[in-house]
Amino acid sequence: MEKKNLRIVFMGTPEFAVGSLQRLVENGYNVVAVVTQPDKPVGRHASVLRPSPVKEYALAHGLPVLQPLKMKDEHFLEQLRSYHADLQVVVAFRMLPEVVWAMPRFGTFNVHAALLPDYRGAAPINWAVINGETHTGVTTFFLDHDIDTGRIIAQRQFPIPDDADVEYVYDALMQLGAQLCTHTVDLVLSTDGNAPSQPQKDSDAHHAAPKIFKETCAINFSLTAKRIYDFVRGLSPAPGAWCLLTPRDAQAPTQVLKIYKTAKTGESTAGGALVSSAPDYKAAGGALVSSAPDHKAANTHDQPTRVEVGTLKAENRRLFVATADEWLEILELQPAGKKRMAARDYLNGFQHPEHFLLK
């Protein structure tokens, strides 16, 4: 079968999905319709409807667009059947019922931004960076009844630089995923719909990637500098890691700070007044839960005292915060109600940081 004869319905919503849709369209694949989320109300009174990036691209290229509220709606299913798709391609969309994913004769495959079975879930890119992974990748797999568990068709790896934030990895995986998308369509074409695939091994699913909420993004300064450094990278620039700037004397109001960029210093916080421990991050139901500390303190006389975690200090127009083991430099931040700025600019109007704690 030639690619012009393979009828494809594409499903996706965010910018990440546009990369794959664009590659399909620009390389002459026969995309007969696009399914995306309904327009999202935005603005102060939610009076403006904003189309998804996928819808904007589809309309700009003359592609029919379907926006069902419910995937089992009979009117939507009738519309979908009318396109007689041979194959459905899903990128960053929603969970599909069997009546949808089983509709095309060649099935439905998904492009997932992780090396499955690791990082199943809604936010695989964020969690890979948060956990300090040195590599990640993309996977195509056939959909089945459970989320991200179908038979794997193909995978591509991508190295994560130590200084990369989630935006960098997102952009790279969007392009890599688009390449793997068309490669997978070509496999379907060359095998007349019988692309080889392998079952996932649940024993290799070491990390979850649950949806990220506001409370997930709160920084725990009782962790090690490395873990906080990775945590900030994994949420930058969006949704953004945050903390509370808290006065020690309780006379000034507490303020919310978003932190977008930090740097490891290697400078120990030993020699201060309080002993700190460093619990690990684990994902549990979309929240971060602290597990056992990194440094077991059976006897506080056996280990050096440390600066209280969250303590701030400024040196040579540079801002530092004490973590469980080392000072971490804050490079870019955003006070509530203000724009993102360099820490040196923030210090111009921030006097006596030692009078505050970050919590």
Protein backbone atom coordinates (compact mmCIF):
# COMPACT_ATOMS: atom_id res chain seq x y z
CA MET A 1 0.00 0.00 0.00
CA GLU A 2 1.23 3.49 -0.84
CA LYS A 3 1.11 6.13 1.88
CA LYS A 4 -1.34 8.25 -0.10
CA ASN A 5 -3.84 5.40 0.20
CA LEU A 6 -3.47 4.90 3.96
CA ARG A 7 -6.25 6.91 5.60
CA ILE A 8 -5.02 8.34 8.92
CA VAL A 9 -6.99 10.03 11.68
CA PHE A 10 -4.72 12.02 13.98
CA MET A 11 -5.55 12.68 17.65
CA GLY A 12 -3.72 15.18 19.85
CA THR A 13 -3.98 18.51 21.61
CA PRO A 14 -0.80 20.35 22.77
CA GLU A 15 2.16 21.75 20.90
CA PHE A 16 4.02 18.48 21.46
CA ALA A 17 1.51 16.75 19.18
CA VAL A 18 1.85 19.37 16.45
CA GLY A 19 5.36 18.13 15.64
CA SER A 20 4.05 14.70 14.62
CA LEU A 21 1.02 16.07 12.76
CA GLN A 22 3.20 18.51 10.85
CA ARG A 23 5.65 15.80 9.84
CA LEU A 24 2.81 13.61 8.58
CA VAL A 25 1.28 16.43 6.54
CA GLU A 26 4.55 17.76 5.13
CA ASN A 27 5.68 14.29 4.07
CA GLY A 28 2.54 13.54 2.11
CA TYR A 29 0.74 11.11 4.41
CA ASN A 30 -3.03 11.02 3.98
CA VAL A 31 -4.38 12.63 7.17
CA VAL A 32 -8.15 12.64 6.60
CA ALA A 33 -9.24 14.17 9.93
CA VAL A 34 -7.95 15.49 13.25
CA VAL A 35 -9.48 14.92 16.70
CA THR A 36 -8.58 17.34 19.49
CA GLN A 37 -9.91 18.70 22.76
CA PRO A 38 -12.71 21.31 22.79
CA ASP A 39 -11.61 24.94 22.83
CA LYS A 40 -10.54 26.02 26.32
CA PRO A 41 -12.15 29.01 28.05
CA VAL A 42 -9.53 31.61 29.00
CA GLY A 43 -9.45 35.17 30.25
CA ARG A 44 -10.62 36.81 33.43
CA HIS A 45 -14.23 35.76 32.95
CA ALA A 46 -13.51 32.69 30.81
CA SER A 47 -15.27 34.52 28.01
CA VAL A 48 -12.70 33.73 25.32
CA LEU A 49 -12.33 30.27 23.79
CA ARG A 50 -8.78 29.28 22.88
CA PRO A 51 -8.28 26.49 20.32
CA SER A 52 -5.64 23.87 20.92
CA PRO A 53 -2.33 24.10 19.02
CA VAL A 54 -3.31 20.98 17.09
CA LYS A 55 -6.60 22.56 16.01
CA GLU A 56 -4.84 25.73 14.90
CA TYR A 57 -2.42 23.73 12.75
CA ALA A 58 -5.18 21.52 11.32
CA LEU A 59 -7.38 24.45 10.30
CA ALA A 60 -4.43 26.27 8.76
CA HIS A 61 -3.86 23.23 6.53
CA GLY A 62 -7.47 22.54 5.63
CA LEU A 63 -7.91 19.41 7.74
CA PRO A 64 -11.34 18.51 9.16
CA VAL A 65 -11.43 18.87 12.96
CA LEU A 66 -13.55 16.93 15.46
CA GLN A 67 -13.79 18.12 19.09
CA PRO A 68 -15.90 15.69 21.11
CA LEU A 69 -16.79 16.38 24.73
CA LYS A 70 -17.16 12.65 25.30
CA MET A 71 -15.33 9.99 23.35
CA LYS A 72 -18.31 7.62 23.51
CA ASP A 73 -20.78 10.18 22.18
CA GLU A 74 -22.70 8.44 19.39
CA HIS A 75 -22.70 11.47 17.09
CA PHE A 76 -18.91 11.69 17.39
CA LEU A 77 -18.53 7.97 16.74
CA GLU A 78 -20.65 8.28 13.61
CA GLN A 79 -18.47 11.15 12.39
CA LEU A 80 -15.31 9.20 13.13
CA ARG A 81 -16.56 6.11 11.28
CA SER A 82 -17.39 8.25 8.25
CA TYR A 83 -13.67 8.88 7.62
CA HIS A 84 -13.00 5.14 7.18
CA ALA A 85 -9.58 5.38 8.82
CA ASP A 86 -7.10 2.57 8.26
CA LEU A 87 -4.95 3.81 11.14
CA GLN A 88 -5.23 6.24 14.04
CA VAL A 89 -2.23 8.08 15.45
CA VAL A 90 -2.42 9.49 18.97
CA VAL A 91 0.03 11.99 20.48
CA ALA A 92 -0.54 13.63 23.89
CA PHE A 93 -4.29 13.20 23.89
CA ARG A 94 -6.68 11.50 26.33
CA MET A 95 -7.56 7.94 27.23
CA LEU A 96 -9.57 6.35 24.44
CA PRO A 97 -12.37 3.80 24.84
CA GLU A 98 -12.07 0.54 22.95
CA VAL A 99 -14.84 1.55 20.58
CA VAL A 100 -12.48 4.29 19.34
CA TRP A 101 -9.04 2.68 19.37
CA ALA A 102 -10.27 -0.58 17.85
CA MET A 103 -12.14 1.16 15.02
CA PRO A 104 -9.41 1.27 12.28
CA ARG A 105 -8.47 -2.02 10.61
CA PHE A 106 -4.77 -1.45 11.39
CA GLY A 107 -5.44 -0.27 14.96
CA THR A 108 -4.28 2.82 16.82
CA PHE A 109 -0.77 3.65 17.97
CA ASN A 110 0.43 6.24 20.46
CA VAL A 111 3.64 8.28 20.56
CA HIS A 112 4.75 8.43 24.23
CA ALA A 113 7.54 10.70 25.48
CA ALA A 114 9.42 8.06 27.48
CA LEU A 115 11.05 4.67 27.11
CA LEU A 116 8.14 2.47 28.10
CA PRO A 117 7.37 0.69 30.30
CA ASP A 118 9.24 3.24 32.41
CA TYR A 119 7.44 6.55 33.07
CA ARG A 120 3.91 5.55 32.24
CA GLY A 121 1.58 8.47 32.89
CA ALA A 122 0.70 12.05 32.02
CA ALA A 123 4.01 13.83 32.70
CA PRO A 124 6.91 11.59 31.63
CA ILE A 125 9.24 14.39 30.52
CA ASN A 126 8.94 16.31 33.79
CA TRP A 127 9.49 13.26 35.96
CA ALA A 128 12.49 12.03 33.99
CA VAL A 129 14.28 15.35 34.58
CA ILE A 130 13.07 15.61 38.20
CA ASN A 131 14.54 12.17 38.87
CA GLY A 132 17.88 13.15 37.38
CA GLU A 133 17.77 10.68 34.50
CA THR A 134 20.68 10.88 32.08
CA HIS A 135 18.61 9.62 29.16
CA THR A 136 15.00 9.24 28.09
CA GLY A 137 13.34 8.78 24.72
CA VAL A 138 10.14 8.14 22.82
CA THR A 139 8.08 5.02 22.26
CA THR A 140 5.35 4.05 19.81
CA PHE A 141 2.94 1.36 20.94
CA PHE A 142 -0.46 -0.03 20.02
CA LEU A 143 -3.26 1.05 22.32
CA ASP A 144 -5.07 -1.48 24.47
CA HIS A 145 -7.37 -1.40 27.49
CA ASP A 146 -4.93 0.11 30.02
CA ILE A 147 -2.95 3.35 29.94
CA ASP A 148 0.50 3.13 28.29
CA THR A 149 0.67 -0.67 28.47
CA GLY A 150 0.22 -1.74 24.84
CA ARG A 151 2.66 -3.66 22.66
CA ILE A 152 5.79 -1.64 21.80
CA ILE A 153 6.46 -1.02 18.12
CA ALA A 154 9.60 1.15 18.19
CA GLN A 155 11.75 3.29 20.48
CA ARG A 156 14.41 6.00 20.20
CA GLN A 157 16.72 7.18 22.98
CA PHE A 158 17.70 10.76 23.82
CA PRO A 159 20.49 11.87 26.22
CA ILE A 160 19.54 14.44 28.86
CA PRO A 161 22.35 16.93 29.54
CA ASP A 162 22.89 17.70 33.22
CA ASP A 163 22.03 21.37 32.69
CA ALA A 164 18.92 20.77 30.54
CA ASP A 165 15.53 21.95 31.74
CA VAL A 166 12.22 20.34 30.81
CA GLU A 167 11.67 22.79 27.93
CA TYR A 168 14.88 21.62 26.24
CA VAL A 169 13.93 17.96 26.59
CA TYR A 170 10.32 18.66 25.52
CA ASP A 171 11.42 20.35 22.30
CA ALA A 172 13.90 17.59 21.49
CA LEU A 173 11.42 14.79 22.15
CA MET A 174 8.76 16.55 20.09
CA GLN A 175 11.06 16.33 17.07
CA LEU A 176 12.28 12.83 17.88
CA GLY A 177 8.70 11.69 18.43
CA ALA A 178 7.67 13.12 15.07
CA GLN A 179 10.44 11.15 13.38
CA LEU A 180 9.41 7.96 15.17
CA CYS A 181 5.78 8.63 14.27
CA THR A 182 6.40 8.56 10.51
CA HIS A 183 8.82 5.64 10.93
CA THR A 184 6.04 3.70 12.65
CA VAL A 185 3.51 4.59 9.94
CA ASP A 186 6.03 3.32 7.38
CA LEU A 187 6.31 0.04 9.31
CA VAL A 188 2.53 -0.31 9.21
CA LEU A 189 2.58 0.37 5.46
CA SER A 190 5.43 -2.00 4.67
CA THR A 191 3.84 -4.86 6.63
CA ASP A 192 0.28 -4.29 5.36
CA GLY A 193 -0.83 -3.43 8.88
CA ASN A 194 1.14 -6.16 10.65
CA ALA A 195 3.94 -4.08 12.16
CA PRO A 196 6.02 -6.21 14.56
CA SER A 197 5.57 -5.37 18.23
CA GLN A 198 6.66 -6.65 21.61
CA PRO A 199 4.76 -6.87 24.90
CA GLN A 200 5.88 -4.58 27.70
CA LYS A 201 7.58 -6.07 30.75
CA ASP A 202 6.01 -4.67 33.90
CA SER A 203 9.19 -5.57 35.78
CA ASP A 204 10.95 -2.78 33.84
CA ALA A 205 8.44 -0.12 34.95
CA HIS A 206 10.62 1.47 37.65
CA HIS A 207 9.12 4.98 37.69
CA ALA A 208 5.63 6.46 37.44
CA ALA A 209 4.84 9.76 35.73
CA PRO A 210 1.60 11.01 37.30
CA LYS A 211 -0.03 14.31 36.45
CA ILE A 212 1.64 17.30 38.10
CA PHE A 213 -0.40 19.60 40.33
CA LYS A 214 0.43 22.84 42.11
CA GLU A 215 1.26 21.07 45.34
CA THR A 216 3.60 18.74 43.45
CA CYS A 217 5.75 21.75 42.56
CA ALA A 218 6.55 22.84 46.13
CA ILE A 219 10.29 22.66 46.81
CA ASN A 220 11.45 20.64 49.83
CA PHE A 221 14.71 22.19 50.97
CA SER A 222 15.37 19.20 53.26
CA LEU A 223 16.49 17.34 50.15
CA THR A 224 20.05 17.32 48.84
CA ALA A 225 21.23 20.09 46.54
CA LYS A 226 21.38 17.67 43.60
CA ARG A 227 17.77 16.59 44.06
CA ILE A 228 16.53 20.17 44.33
CA TYR A 229 18.61 21.15 41.31
CA ASP A 230 16.96 18.38 39.27
CA PHE A 231 13.52 19.18 40.70
CA VAL A 232 13.77 22.81 39.54
CA ARG A 233 15.00 21.75 36.08
CA GLY A 234 12.14 19.28 35.77
CA LEU A 235 9.53 22.01 36.29
CA SER A 236 11.18 24.87 34.39
CA PRO A 237 9.83 26.91 32.75
CA ALA A 238 6.38 25.41 33.34
CA PRO A 239 4.63 24.86 35.62
CA GLY A 240 7.52 26.14 37.77
CA ALA A 241 8.89 25.02 41.14
CA TRP A 242 7.86 27.27 44.02
CA CYS A 243 8.57 27.95 47.67
CA LEU A 244 7.62 30.39 50.42
CA LEU A 245 9.88 33.27 51.40
CA THR A 246 9.27 33.35 55.14
CA PRO A 247 10.56 36.04 57.53
CA ARG A 248 12.31 34.69 60.61
CA ASP A 249 10.72 37.29 62.88
CA ALA A 250 7.20 36.84 61.43
CA GLN A 251 6.84 40.63 61.11
CA ALA A 252 6.86 40.69 57.30
CA PRO A 253 4.36 38.79 55.14
CA THR A 254 5.22 35.44 53.59
CA GLN A 255 5.73 35.61 49.81
CA VAL A 256 5.59 33.00 47.07
CA LEU A 257 8.71 32.63 44.95
CA LYS A 258 9.03 30.59 41.79
CA ILE A 259 12.52 29.31 41.11
CA TYR A 260 13.46 28.56 37.51
CA LYS A 261 17.19 27.97 37.55
CA THR A 262 19.79 26.95 40.10
CA ALA A 263 23.44 25.90 40.14
CA LYS A 264 25.26 23.36 42.26
CA THR A 265 28.14 24.84 44.26
CA GLY A 266 29.68 21.82 45.97
CA GLU A 267 30.02 23.95 49.11
CA SER A 268 28.96 22.06 52.21
CA THR A 269 26.48 23.52 54.70
CA ALA A 270 28.26 21.74 57.57
CA GLY A 271 29.15 23.93 60.51
CA GLY A 272 25.75 25.50 61.15
CA ALA A 273 23.27 25.24 63.98
CA LEU A 274 20.89 22.49 62.85
CA VAL A 275 21.35 18.94 61.63
CA SER A 276 19.55 18.29 58.32
CA SER A 277 18.57 15.04 56.64
CA ALA A 278 17.68 14.47 53.03
CA PRO A 279 14.61 12.37 52.20
CA ASP A 280 14.01 11.16 48.70
CA TYR A 281 11.28 12.19 46.27
CA LYS A 282 8.74 9.58 45.26
CA ALA A 283 5.60 10.05 43.23
CA ALA A 284 2.45 8.95 45.04
CA GLY A 285 -0.86 9.90 43.51
CA GLY A 286 0.61 12.95 41.83
CA ALA A 287 2.21 14.32 45.03
CA LEU A 288 5.79 14.24 46.27
CA VAL A 289 6.26 12.17 49.40
CA SER A 290 9.45 12.11 51.45
CA SER A 291 10.90 8.72 52.24
CA ALA A 292 13.74 7.77 54.57
CA PRO A 293 16.54 10.35 54.94
CA ASP A 294 19.78 10.05 53.01
CA HIS A 295 21.84 10.51 56.20
CA LYS A 296 20.84 8.27 59.10
CA ALA A 297 21.18 10.16 62.36
CA ALA A 298 21.28 7.51 65.06
CA ASN A 299 23.43 9.83 67.17
CA THR A 300 23.67 13.55 66.38
CA HIS A 301 27.11 13.64 68.02
CA ASP A 302 28.43 11.41 65.20
CA GLN A 303 27.83 13.90 62.40
CA PRO A 304 28.57 17.57 61.87
CA THR A 305 25.90 20.17 62.45
CA ARG A 306 24.59 21.99 59.39
CA VAL A 307 23.09 25.33 58.52
CA GLU A 308 19.32 25.26 58.85
CA VAL A 309 17.77 24.18 55.55
CA GLY A 310 16.17 27.07 53.70
CA THR A 311 18.65 29.60 55.08
CA LEU A 312 19.52 32.33 52.59
CA LYS A 313 22.78 34.19 52.12
CA ALA A 314 24.03 36.72 49.59
CA GLU A 315 27.66 37.02 48.52
CA ASN A 316 28.97 39.25 45.75
CA ARG A 317 25.44 39.80 44.38
CA ARG A 318 24.82 36.05 44.25
CA LEU A 319 22.01 34.35 46.18
CA PHE A 320 22.37 30.97 47.89
CA VAL A 321 20.06 28.69 49.84
CA ALA A 322 21.03 25.94 52.29
CA THR A 323 19.89 22.42 51.45
CA ALA A 324 20.43 19.16 53.34
CA ASP A 325 24.05 18.92 52.28
CA GLU A 326 25.26 21.90 50.23
CA TRP A 327 24.58 25.50 49.35
CA LEU A 328 22.57 25.81 46.14
CA GLU A 329 22.85 28.98 44.08
CA ILE A 330 19.59 30.50 42.87
CA LEU A 331 20.12 31.96 39.40
CA GLU A 332 16.61 32.87 38.17
CA LEU A 333 13.40 33.41 40.11
CA GLN A 334 10.06 35.15 40.03
CA PRO A 335 8.47 36.94 43.00
CA ALA A 336 4.68 36.89 43.12
CA GLY A 337 3.20 39.56 40.85
CA LYS A 338 6.48 40.25 39.07
CA LYS A 339 8.39 39.02 36.05
CA ARG A 340 11.01 36.31 35.97
CA MET A 341 14.40 37.82 36.75
CA ALA A 342 18.02 37.05 37.50
CA ALA A 343 18.83 36.62 41.18
CA ARG A 344 21.32 39.50 41.04
CA ASP A 345 18.51 41.82 39.94
CA TYR A 346 16.26 40.50 42.68
CA LEU A 347 18.93 41.29 45.26
CA ASN A 348 18.82 44.96 44.26
CA GLY A 349 15.55 45.29 46.13
CA PHE A 350 15.91 42.47 48.63
CA GLN A 351 17.71 43.52 51.77
CA HIS A 352 19.11 41.18 54.45
CA PRO A 353 18.26 37.77 52.97
CA GLU A 354 19.67 36.22 56.13
CA HIS A 355 16.50 37.41 57.91
CA PHE A 356 14.41 35.01 55.77
CA LEU A 357 13.97 31.29 55.19
CA LEU A 358 12.79 29.46 52.11
CA LYS A 359 10.21 26.80 52.95
